[in-house]
């Protein structure tokens, strides 16, 4: 095996993941023994190097499973650059059985109110935690201020650690990334605070308002002062498409424009036709999504994010080749954090 002692830096993702699952198959009997014996230190010594051999920044834990006896969680811990890797790791996992299941992010606890942990040398549990919640109108986020009676007696880092632990217990890592905005670990109890256990219901209400596809229209100025118009999915979040880490930028020059350089007349209609055709192709593939498009200075750039294992890049190139108002350009790059559309992320 190449899992340990590899030279020349990290392996390619597929190779590193395959190495891990080969290691798991060989070492699962020993993992089972250590779990049953509650040998946490020996378990960490065994599993930890195997996880970090894939990518050093990955974090892991073994917890009670949702349907199996145990769950192995290997998580990017909120790092958007690593999230696609963690999800590909989980997709390559062996089928779950009665003993093991596998997750690429921390899952919500089935009975979070019963959980406790030691934080800052004090016992922490959700039964005494309260939260002040605020949902800015029209936004897909819940801002919160969390308080627990131990918070006045522990430091800032420990308060934040406890708050993040509670959010993972209540919502799970991915739902926190989707729906939670500003997080304050308060030293004093917020006004109008409610028991923390009600947070999932509030988040569900917010999520219900964004079930259908929505788009946001934005306007601005280019670096040279020209007018700029953009349309982006709303909300737009990489966590919703964790395998779509390939960025495909399609640049389309257009002939007809208004005085500000934005598309007009037949060019506007032709752009809409192409975008409709693009949307149909991407939906048929099921492995890519149009995230946003931006128009300025007689040119429109469409931003597509795709699973590089699919055929989206080829489909986009074929469609771009049909553009007749100028020379279309297609650029493909890796962008797991969706940095090319960072201004539109919600």
Protein backbone atom coordinates (compact mmCIF):
# COMPACT_ATOMS: atom_id res chain seq x y z
CA UNK A 1 0.00 0.00 0.00
CA UNK A 2 1.00 3.61 -0.57
CA UNK A 3 -1.01 5.13 2.28
CA UNK A 4 1.94 5.88 4.55
CA UNK A 5 5.38 7.11 3.68
CA UNK A 6 4.32 8.51 0.30
CA UNK A 7 6.89 10.82 -1.27
CA UNK A 8 6.32 13.85 -3.44
CA UNK A 9 3.38 15.41 -1.61
CA UNK A 10 -0.31 14.45 -1.39
CA UNK A 11 -1.67 11.91 -3.83
CA UNK A 12 -4.38 12.72 -6.30
CA UNK A 13 -7.81 12.66 -4.59
CA UNK A 14 -9.00 9.42 -6.18
CA UNK A 15 -5.74 7.66 -5.33
CA UNK A 16 -5.69 8.89 -1.73
CA UNK A 17 -9.31 7.91 -1.20
CA UNK A 18 -8.80 4.47 -2.72
CA UNK A 19 -5.78 3.96 -0.46
CA UNK A 20 -7.83 4.82 2.61
CA UNK A 21 -10.60 2.37 1.81
CA UNK A 22 -8.04 -0.35 1.12
CA UNK A 23 -6.55 0.42 4.53
CA UNK A 24 -10.02 0.35 6.10
CA UNK A 25 -10.76 -3.07 4.67
CA UNK A 26 -7.55 -4.45 6.12
CA UNK A 27 -7.84 -2.73 9.52
CA UNK A 28 -11.57 -2.81 10.22
CA UNK A 29 -11.35 -5.85 12.53
CA UNK A 30 -8.84 -3.98 14.71
CA UNK A 31 -10.99 -0.82 14.61
CA UNK A 32 -13.98 -2.88 15.74
CA UNK A 33 -11.98 -4.32 18.64
CA UNK A 34 -10.83 -0.90 19.84
CA UNK A 35 -14.32 0.61 19.55
CA UNK A 36 -15.87 -2.22 21.54
CA UNK A 37 -13.13 -1.93 24.18
CA UNK A 38 -13.58 1.86 24.34
CA UNK A 39 -9.86 2.34 23.71
CA UNK A 40 -10.04 5.95 22.54
CA UNK A 41 -6.31 6.67 22.56
CA UNK A 42 -5.36 3.52 20.66
CA UNK A 43 -8.20 4.19 18.21
CA UNK A 44 -6.88 7.69 17.57
CA UNK A 45 -3.39 6.32 16.99
CA UNK A 46 -4.76 3.84 14.47
CA UNK A 47 -7.35 5.85 12.53
CA UNK A 48 -5.88 9.35 12.79
CA UNK A 49 -2.81 8.78 10.58
CA UNK A 50 -4.93 7.03 7.96
CA UNK A 51 -7.24 10.05 7.70
CA UNK A 52 -4.52 12.71 7.70
CA UNK A 53 -2.57 10.71 5.10
CA UNK A 54 -5.36 11.61 2.68
CA UNK A 55 -5.32 15.32 3.52
CA UNK A 56 -3.70 16.73 6.64
CA UNK A 57 -6.48 19.21 7.43
CA UNK A 58 -9.29 16.64 7.49
CA UNK A 59 -10.88 15.97 10.89
CA UNK A 60 -12.58 12.77 11.96
CA UNK A 61 -14.63 11.23 14.71
CA UNK A 62 -16.42 8.00 15.52
CA UNK A 63 -19.91 8.54 16.91
CA UNK A 64 -23.13 6.55 17.28
CA UNK A 65 -24.65 5.94 13.85
CA UNK A 66 -28.09 7.00 12.71
CA UNK A 67 -28.96 3.49 11.53
CA UNK A 68 -25.72 1.55 12.14
CA UNK A 69 -24.05 1.01 15.47
CA UNK A 70 -21.23 3.45 14.68
CA UNK A 71 -20.50 6.21 12.20
CA UNK A 72 -17.10 7.28 10.90
CA UNK A 73 -17.24 10.97 10.06
CA UNK A 74 -14.45 12.51 7.98
CA UNK A 75 -15.10 16.20 7.63
CA UNK A 76 -13.63 19.29 6.00
CA UNK A 77 -14.69 21.15 9.17
CA UNK A 78 -16.20 24.00 7.17
CA UNK A 79 -13.25 24.40 4.77
CA UNK A 80 -14.81 24.85 1.29
CA UNK A 81 -11.55 23.81 -0.37
CA UNK A 82 -11.75 20.38 1.30
CA UNK A 83 -15.51 19.78 1.24
CA UNK A 84 -15.55 18.13 -2.22
CA UNK A 85 -12.78 15.76 -1.12
CA UNK A 86 -14.73 14.70 1.98
CA UNK A 87 -17.85 14.04 -0.07
CA UNK A 88 -15.93 11.98 -2.63
CA UNK A 89 -14.44 10.01 0.27
CA UNK A 90 -17.96 9.20 1.48
CA UNK A 91 -19.19 8.27 -2.01
CA UNK A 92 -16.35 5.76 -2.29
CA UNK A 93 -17.18 4.15 1.06
CA UNK A 94 -18.32 0.54 1.29
CA UNK A 95 -22.07 0.05 1.75
CA UNK A 96 -23.31 0.75 5.26
CA UNK A 97 -24.12 -2.27 7.39
CA UNK A 98 -25.45 -2.84 10.86
CA UNK A 99 -22.12 -1.85 12.41
CA UNK A 100 -20.74 1.05 10.30
CA UNK A 101 -21.97 4.00 8.27
CA UNK A 102 -19.90 6.86 6.83
CA UNK A 103 -20.49 10.62 6.58
CA UNK A 104 -18.57 13.55 5.01
CA UNK A 105 -19.82 16.04 7.60
CA UNK A 106 -20.99 16.10 11.21
CA UNK A 107 -24.59 14.89 11.38
CA UNK A 108 -27.26 16.29 13.73
CA UNK A 109 -27.74 14.31 16.90
CA UNK A 110 -30.90 12.23 17.17
CA UNK A 111 -31.45 13.36 20.78
CA UNK A 112 -29.34 16.51 21.20
CA UNK A 113 -30.96 17.55 24.48
CA UNK A 114 -29.44 14.49 26.14
CA UNK A 115 -25.84 15.23 25.11
CA UNK A 116 -23.20 16.76 27.35
CA UNK A 117 -19.53 17.63 26.92
CA UNK A 118 -16.73 19.20 28.92
CA UNK A 119 -15.90 22.71 27.73
CA UNK A 120 -13.39 24.92 29.49
CA UNK A 121 -13.34 22.52 32.42
CA UNK A 122 -17.12 22.82 32.90
CA UNK A 123 -19.97 20.51 31.96
CA UNK A 124 -21.94 21.78 28.98
CA UNK A 125 -25.34 20.57 27.80
CA UNK A 126 -28.13 21.88 25.60
CA UNK A 127 -30.73 21.60 28.33
CA UNK A 128 -29.66 24.99 29.76
CA UNK A 129 -28.63 26.78 26.56
CA UNK A 130 -30.76 29.59 25.17
CA UNK A 131 -30.48 31.62 21.97
CA UNK A 132 -31.56 34.98 20.72
CA UNK A 133 -32.51 34.56 17.06
CA UNK A 134 -32.91 37.10 14.27
CA UNK A 135 -33.87 36.49 10.66
CA UNK A 136 -33.11 39.55 8.49
CA UNK A 137 -36.10 40.02 6.14
CA UNK A 138 -35.75 38.22 2.84
CA UNK A 139 -32.45 36.57 3.71
CA UNK A 140 -31.65 32.82 3.89
CA UNK A 141 -29.83 33.18 7.22
CA UNK A 142 -30.55 32.99 10.93
CA UNK A 143 -28.31 35.23 13.06
CA UNK A 144 -27.98 34.02 16.62
CA UNK A 145 -26.62 34.92 20.02
CA UNK A 146 -26.13 31.87 22.25
CA UNK A 147 -25.87 31.79 26.05
CA UNK A 148 -25.29 29.10 28.65
CA UNK A 149 -24.94 29.59 32.42
CA UNK A 150 -21.30 28.48 32.27
CA UNK A 151 -20.42 31.16 29.69
CA UNK A 152 -19.58 33.95 32.22
CA UNK A 153 -17.01 31.63 33.78
CA UNK A 154 -15.13 30.48 30.66
CA UNK A 155 -13.04 32.31 28.06
CA UNK A 156 -14.15 33.55 24.64
CA UNK A 157 -12.68 30.62 22.72
CA UNK A 158 -14.39 28.09 24.99
CA UNK A 159 -17.73 29.89 24.63
CA UNK A 160 -17.46 29.79 20.84
CA UNK A 161 -16.38 26.13 20.95
CA UNK A 162 -19.46 25.26 23.00
CA UNK A 163 -21.74 27.23 20.68
CA UNK A 164 -20.39 25.53 17.55
CA UNK A 165 -20.71 22.14 19.23
CA UNK A 166 -24.34 22.91 20.04
CA UNK A 167 -25.05 23.96 16.45
CA UNK A 168 -23.59 20.73 15.12
CA UNK A 169 -25.69 18.72 17.58
CA UNK A 170 -28.84 20.60 16.62
CA UNK A 171 -28.45 21.05 12.86
CA UNK A 172 -25.42 19.18 11.58
CA UNK A 173 -22.40 20.74 9.92
CA UNK A 174 -23.88 21.28 6.45
CA UNK A 175 -27.13 22.84 7.68
CA UNK A 176 -25.11 25.27 9.79
CA UNK A 177 -23.22 26.27 6.64
CA UNK A 178 -26.49 26.70 4.75
CA UNK A 179 -28.67 28.60 7.15
CA UNK A 180 -26.73 30.11 10.07
CA UNK A 181 -25.33 33.61 9.63
CA UNK A 182 -23.75 35.67 12.38
CA UNK A 183 -22.84 33.67 15.49
CA UNK A 184 -22.25 35.30 18.87
CA UNK A 185 -21.30 33.33 21.98
CA UNK A 186 -22.68 35.79 24.54
CA UNK A 187 -21.40 36.36 28.04
CA UNK A 188 -24.87 37.56 29.10
CA UNK A 189 -28.29 36.15 28.26
CA UNK A 190 -29.86 37.83 25.20
CA UNK A 191 -33.22 39.57 25.42
CA UNK A 192 -36.13 37.41 24.19
CA UNK A 193 -33.96 34.28 24.20
CA UNK A 194 -35.60 30.91 23.59
CA UNK A 195 -34.40 27.38 24.42
CA UNK A 196 -31.71 26.33 21.92
CA UNK A 197 -33.58 23.12 21.18
CA UNK A 198 -36.08 25.18 19.11
CA UNK A 199 -33.43 26.32 16.61
CA UNK A 200 -34.11 23.52 14.07
CA UNK A 201 -37.78 24.56 13.82
CA UNK A 202 -36.79 28.18 13.14
CA UNK A 203 -34.30 27.09 10.48
CA UNK A 204 -36.94 24.86 8.88
CA UNK A 205 -39.29 27.85 8.62
CA UNK A 206 -36.59 29.92 6.92
CA UNK A 207 -35.67 27.08 4.56
CA UNK A 208 -39.33 26.68 3.58
CA UNK A 209 -39.21 30.12 1.97
CA UNK A 210 -36.40 29.08 -0.36
CA UNK A 211 -37.61 25.72 -1.65
CA UNK A 212 -38.25 27.02 -5.16
CA UNK A 213 -35.53 28.25 -7.52
CA UNK A 214 -34.90 31.98 -7.08
CA UNK A 215 -32.60 34.47 -8.77
CA UNK A 216 -31.30 37.86 -7.65
CA UNK A 217 -30.66 40.80 -9.98
CA UNK A 218 -27.68 42.96 -9.03
CA UNK A 219 -26.18 46.10 -10.52
CA UNK A 220 -22.82 47.79 -10.10
CA UNK A 221 -19.89 49.40 -11.86
CA UNK A 222 -16.83 47.96 -13.56
CA UNK A 223 -13.28 49.02 -12.65
CA UNK A 224 -13.46 51.61 -15.43
CA UNK A 225 -16.78 53.01 -14.21
CA UNK A 226 -19.03 51.28 -16.72
CA UNK A 227 -22.38 49.81 -15.78
CA UNK A 228 -22.56 46.16 -14.79
CA UNK A 229 -25.57 43.86 -14.43
CA UNK A 230 -25.53 40.40 -12.87
CA UNK A 231 -28.04 37.66 -12.15
CA UNK A 232 -27.23 34.99 -9.55
CA UNK A 233 -28.99 32.07 -7.91
CA UNK A 234 -30.37 32.99 -4.53
CA UNK A 235 -29.26 31.58 -2.24
CA UNK A 236 -25.95 30.64 -3.87
CA UNK A 237 -23.86 28.28 -1.71
CA UNK A 238 -21.15 25.72 -2.54
CA UNK A 239 -22.43 23.48 0.27
CA UNK A 240 -25.54 22.78 -1.82
CA UNK A 241 -23.38 21.24 -4.58
CA UNK A 242 -20.34 19.76 -2.81
CA UNK A 243 -19.07 17.82 -5.83
CA UNK A 244 -19.28 20.79 -8.21
CA UNK A 245 -15.73 22.09 -7.81
CA UNK A 246 -14.99 22.62 -11.51
CA UNK A 247 -15.57 26.19 -12.71
CA UNK A 248 -16.57 26.70 -16.34
CA UNK A 249 -16.59 30.33 -17.50
CA UNK A 250 -18.29 31.09 -20.82
CA UNK A 251 -17.58 34.52 -22.29
CA UNK A 252 -20.00 35.66 -25.00
CA UNK A 253 -19.47 38.95 -26.86
CA UNK A 254 -22.69 40.45 -28.22
CA UNK A 255 -23.37 42.90 -31.04
CA UNK A 256 -26.36 44.93 -29.88
CA UNK A 257 -25.99 46.95 -26.69
CA UNK A 258 -27.46 50.02 -25.04
CA UNK A 259 -25.49 53.14 -24.21
CA UNK A 260 -24.10 51.43 -21.09
CA UNK A 261 -22.80 48.41 -22.98
CA UNK A 262 -25.49 46.06 -21.69
CA UNK A 263 -27.24 43.66 -24.11
CA UNK A 264 -30.24 44.94 -26.03
CA UNK A 265 -32.49 44.05 -28.94
CA UNK A 266 -31.84 40.78 -30.76
CA UNK A 267 -28.62 40.18 -28.79
CA UNK A 268 -30.55 40.11 -25.53
CA UNK A 269 -33.04 37.64 -27.01
CA UNK A 270 -30.23 35.46 -28.39
CA UNK A 271 -28.45 35.41 -25.03
CA UNK A 272 -31.66 34.30 -23.35
CA UNK A 273 -32.11 31.52 -25.91
CA UNK A 274 -28.59 30.25 -25.29
CA UNK A 275 -29.04 30.36 -21.51
CA UNK A 276 -32.27 28.38 -21.83
CA UNK A 277 -30.49 25.79 -23.96
CA UNK A 278 -27.63 25.70 -21.47
CA UNK A 279 -30.03 25.17 -18.59
CA UNK A 280 -31.71 22.27 -20.40
CA UNK A 281 -28.36 20.59 -21.07
CA UNK A 282 -27.16 21.00 -17.50
CA UNK A 283 -30.42 19.65 -16.08
CA UNK A 284 -30.17 16.65 -18.39
CA UNK A 285 -26.61 15.98 -17.24
CA UNK A 286 -27.48 16.41 -13.56
CA UNK A 287 -23.85 17.18 -12.76
CA UNK A 288 -23.60 20.95 -13.19
CA UNK A 289 -25.40 24.17 -12.37
CA UNK A 290 -25.48 27.70 -13.77
CA UNK A 291 -24.52 29.82 -10.77
CA UNK A 292 -24.57 33.36 -12.16
CA UNK A 293 -24.00 35.52 -15.22
CA UNK A 294 -22.56 38.99 -15.51
CA UNK A 295 -22.87 41.50 -18.35
CA UNK A 296 -20.75 44.59 -19.01
CA UNK A 297 -18.88 46.27 -21.87
CA UNK A 298 -20.64 44.26 -24.63
CA UNK A 299 -19.77 40.90 -23.11
CA UNK A 300 -21.58 38.39 -20.92
CA UNK A 301 -19.79 35.85 -18.71
CA UNK A 302 -21.72 32.81 -17.52
CA UNK A 303 -20.40 30.92 -14.49
CA UNK A 304 -21.12 27.18 -14.41
CA UNK A 305 -20.00 24.84 -11.63
CA UNK A 306 -19.75 21.14 -12.40
CA UNK A 307 -18.60 17.76 -11.19
CA UNK A 308 -15.37 17.21 -13.17
CA UNK A 309 -16.24 13.52 -13.45
CA UNK A 310 -19.20 14.48 -15.65
CA UNK A 311 -19.50 15.80 -19.21
CA UNK A 312 -20.47 19.41 -18.47
CA UNK A 313 -17.32 21.01 -19.89
CA UNK A 314 -17.72 19.20 -23.20
CA UNK A 315 -21.42 20.07 -23.38
CA UNK A 316 -20.66 23.74 -22.69
CA UNK A 317 -17.97 23.86 -25.37
CA UNK A 318 -20.36 22.35 -27.92
CA UNK A 319 -23.03 24.92 -27.10
CA UNK A 320 -20.58 27.85 -27.07
CA UNK A 321 -19.42 26.85 -30.55
CA UNK A 322 -22.89 27.72 -31.86
CA UNK A 323 -22.58 31.37 -30.75
CA UNK A 324 -22.62 33.65 -33.81
CA UNK A 325 -22.18 37.17 -32.42
CA UNK A 326 -18.44 36.90 -31.82
CA UNK A 327 -15.79 34.47 -30.66
CA UNK A 328 -17.04 32.64 -27.58
CA UNK A 329 -14.44 31.57 -25.02
CA UNK A 330 -14.69 28.69 -22.54
CA UNK A 331 -12.25 28.44 -19.63
CA UNK A 332 -12.22 25.48 -17.24
CA UNK A 333 -10.49 25.51 -13.85
CA UNK A 334 -10.62 24.01 -10.35
CA UNK A 335 -12.53 26.22 -7.90
CA UNK A 336 -13.87 24.27 -4.89
CA UNK A 337 -14.56 27.45 -2.88
CA UNK A 338 -16.43 29.08 -5.79
CA UNK A 339 -14.11 32.07 -5.60
CA UNK A 340 -15.07 33.21 -9.12
CA UNK A 341 -18.55 34.07 -7.83
CA UNK A 342 -17.52 35.07 -4.31
CA UNK A 343 -19.42 38.37 -4.54
CA UNK A 344 -22.68 36.49 -5.09
CA UNK A 345 -22.36 33.84 -2.35
CA UNK A 346 -24.99 34.00 0.37
